[in-house]
Amino acid sequence: MFQPYEPGAFASTASGGDFSAHPKSSPRNESVRHLLYGSPEAIQIVIKSLHRLGYAEPNEWSRPMPTERPGEVMRILTKTVQIE
């Protein structure tokens, strides 16, 4: 069941642990991939919207790659985030 996000709330693990109980490790970088599927026009609108929000430059996305569905393409963006 979906529960709204509450700042400061922690999810418990299957063993009943609490994320706040673990000591903080040193920061590390990790890659995250965003995949967009849709018509070339719809994907371009989303890419421009993310650019206006300052999230990603349009040239950071992959070139359109065709999918098995007619008229559909996929584009990928890989971002590096710091895990603290």
C-alpha atoms as a PDB file:
ATOM      1  CA  MET A   1       0.000   0.000   0.000  1.00  0.00           C
ATOM      2  CA  PHE A   2       1.249   3.490  -0.854  1.00  0.00           C
ATOM      3  CA  GLN A   3       2.062   5.782   2.020  1.00  0.00           C
ATOM      4  CA  PRO A   4       2.957   9.444   1.514  1.00  0.00           C
ATOM      5  CA  TYR A   5       6.533  10.517   2.081  1.00  0.00           C
ATOM      6  CA  GLU A   6       7.203  12.048   5.478  1.00  0.00           C
ATOM      7  CA  PRO A   7      10.515  13.866   5.994  1.00  0.00           C
ATOM      8  CA  GLY A   8      12.570  12.205   8.684  1.00  0.00           C
ATOM      9  CA  ALA A   9      10.669   8.913   8.439  1.00  0.00           C
ATOM     10  CA  PHE A  10      12.683   5.739   7.928  1.00  0.00           C
ATOM     11  CA  ALA A  11      11.603   2.455   6.388  1.00  0.00           C
ATOM     12  CA  SER A  12      12.433  -0.617   8.402  1.00  0.00           C
ATOM     13  CA  THR A  13      14.128  -3.639   6.862  1.00  0.00           C
ATOM     14  CA  ALA A  14      12.856  -7.225   6.985  1.00  0.00           C
ATOM     15  CA  SER A  15      15.018  -7.806  10.042  1.00  0.00           C
ATOM     16  CA  GLY A  16      13.430  -4.818  11.762  1.00  0.00           C
ATOM     17  CA  GLY A  17      16.549  -2.663  11.478  1.00  0.00           C
ATOM     18  CA  ASP A  18      16.495   1.107  11.225  1.00  0.00           C
ATOM     19  CA  PHE A  19      18.575   2.969   8.620  1.00  0.00           C
ATOM     20  CA  SER A  20      19.343   5.676  11.173  1.00  0.00           C
ATOM     21  CA  ALA A  21      21.114   3.095  13.366  1.00  0.00           C
ATOM     22  CA  HIS A  22      23.878   2.521  10.786  1.00  0.00           C
ATOM     23  CA  PRO A  23      26.986   4.672  10.966  1.00  0.00           C
ATOM     24  CA  LYS A  24      27.472   6.981   8.016  1.00  0.00           C
ATOM     25  CA  SER A  25      30.037   5.811   5.518  1.00  0.00           C
ATOM     26  CA  SER A  26      32.186   8.040   3.350  1.00  0.00           C
ATOM     27  CA  PRO A  27      30.458   9.525   0.285  1.00  0.00           C
ATOM     28  CA  ARG A  28      30.671   7.616  -2.991  1.00  0.00           C
ATOM     29  CA  ASN A  29      29.480   8.207  -6.535  1.00  0.00           C
ATOM     30  CA  GLU A  30      26.876   6.001  -8.168  1.00  0.00           C
ATOM     31  CA  SER A  31      25.360   6.038 -11.661  1.00  0.00           C
ATOM     32  CA  VAL A  32      21.608   6.234 -12.213  1.00  0.00           C
ATOM     33  CA  ARG A  33      20.011   5.708 -15.626  1.00  0.00           C
ATOM     34  CA  HIS A  34      16.818   7.373 -16.766  1.00  0.00           C
ATOM     35  CA  LEU A  35      14.969   5.691 -19.630  1.00  0.00           C
ATOM     36  CA  LEU A  36      12.340   7.464 -21.720  1.00  0.00           C
ATOM     37  CA  TYR A  37      10.042   5.526 -24.051  1.00  0.00           C
ATOM     38  CA  GLY A  38       7.584   7.204 -26.385  1.00  0.00           C
ATOM     39  CA  SER A  39       7.209   9.038 -29.641  1.00  0.00           C
ATOM     40  CA  PRO A  40      10.175  11.206 -30.615  1.00  0.00           C
ATOM     41  CA  GLU A  41       8.009  14.311 -30.184  1.00  0.00           C
ATOM     42  CA  ALA A  42       6.815  13.391 -26.680  1.00  0.00           C
ATOM     43  CA  ILE A  43      10.311  12.487 -25.533  1.00  0.00           C
ATOM     44  CA  GLN A  44      11.652  15.798 -26.839  1.00  0.00           C
ATOM     45  CA  ILE A  45       9.042  17.658 -24.764  1.00  0.00           C
ATOM     46  CA  VAL A  46      10.137  15.813 -21.604  1.00  0.00           C
ATOM     47  CA  ILE A  47      13.830  16.439 -22.328  1.00  0.00           C
ATOM     48  CA  LYS A  48      13.169  20.157 -22.823  1.00  0.00           C
ATOM     49  CA  SER A  49      11.129  20.270 -19.592  1.00  0.00           C
ATOM     50  CA  LEU A  50      13.950  18.629 -17.608  1.00  0.00           C
ATOM     51  CA  HIS A  51      16.392  21.091 -19.165  1.00  0.00           C
ATOM     52  CA  ARG A  52      14.228  24.074 -18.129  1.00  0.00           C
ATOM     53  CA  LEU A  53      14.233  22.678 -14.583  1.00  0.00           C
ATOM     54  CA  GLY A  54      18.045  22.588 -14.687  1.00  0.00           C
ATOM     55  CA  TYR A  55      18.236  18.800 -14.347  1.00  0.00           C
ATOM     56  CA  ALA A  56      19.954  17.780 -17.580  1.00  0.00           C
ATOM     57  CA  GLU A  57      21.291  19.273 -20.790  1.00  0.00           C
ATOM     58  CA  PRO A  58      19.560  17.974 -23.936  1.00  0.00           C
ATOM     59  CA  ASN A  59      22.892  16.772 -25.383  1.00  0.00           C
ATOM     60  CA  GLU A  60      23.446  14.505 -22.345  1.00  0.00           C
ATOM     61  CA  TRP A  61      20.693  12.144 -23.584  1.00  0.00           C
ATOM     62  CA  SER A  62      21.469   9.301 -25.970  1.00  0.00           C
ATOM     63  CA  ARG A  63      20.370   9.431 -29.579  1.00  0.00           C
ATOM     64  CA  PRO A  64      16.879   8.010 -30.201  1.00  0.00           C
ATOM     65  CA  MET A  65      16.929   4.204 -30.451  1.00  0.00           C
ATOM     66  CA  PRO A  66      14.015   2.382 -32.063  1.00  0.00           C
ATOM     67  CA  THR A  67      12.031  -0.104 -29.987  1.00  0.00           C
ATOM     68  CA  GLU A  68       9.906  -3.054 -31.084  1.00  0.00           C
ATOM     69  CA  ARG A  69       6.814  -0.835 -31.126  1.00  0.00           C
ATOM     70  CA  PRO A  70       6.110   1.168 -34.293  1.00  0.00           C
ATOM     71  CA  GLY A  71       6.716   4.900 -33.830  1.00  0.00           C
ATOM     72  CA  GLU A  72       8.338   4.432 -30.422  1.00  0.00           C
ATOM     73  CA  VAL A  73      11.914   5.279 -29.503  1.00  0.00           C
ATOM     74  CA  MET A  74      13.980   5.101 -26.331  1.00  0.00           C
ATOM     75  CA  ARG A  75      16.495   7.625 -25.027  1.00  0.00           C
ATOM     76  CA  ILE A  76      18.809   7.149 -22.047  1.00  0.00           C
ATOM     77  CA  LEU A  77      20.366   9.619 -19.627  1.00  0.00           C
ATOM     78  CA  THR A  78      23.049   8.537 -17.163  1.00  0.00           C
ATOM     79  CA  LYS A  79      23.586  10.798 -14.160  1.00  0.00           C
ATOM     80  CA  THR A  80      26.148  10.428 -11.401  1.00  0.00           C
ATOM     81  CA  VAL A  81      24.856  11.054  -7.892  1.00  0.00           C
ATOM     82  CA  GLN A  82      26.752  11.236  -4.642  1.00  0.00           C
ATOM     83  CA  ILE A  83      25.637   8.755  -1.989  1.00  0.00           C
ATOM     84  CA  GLU A  84      26.384  10.028   1.493  1.00  0.00           C
END
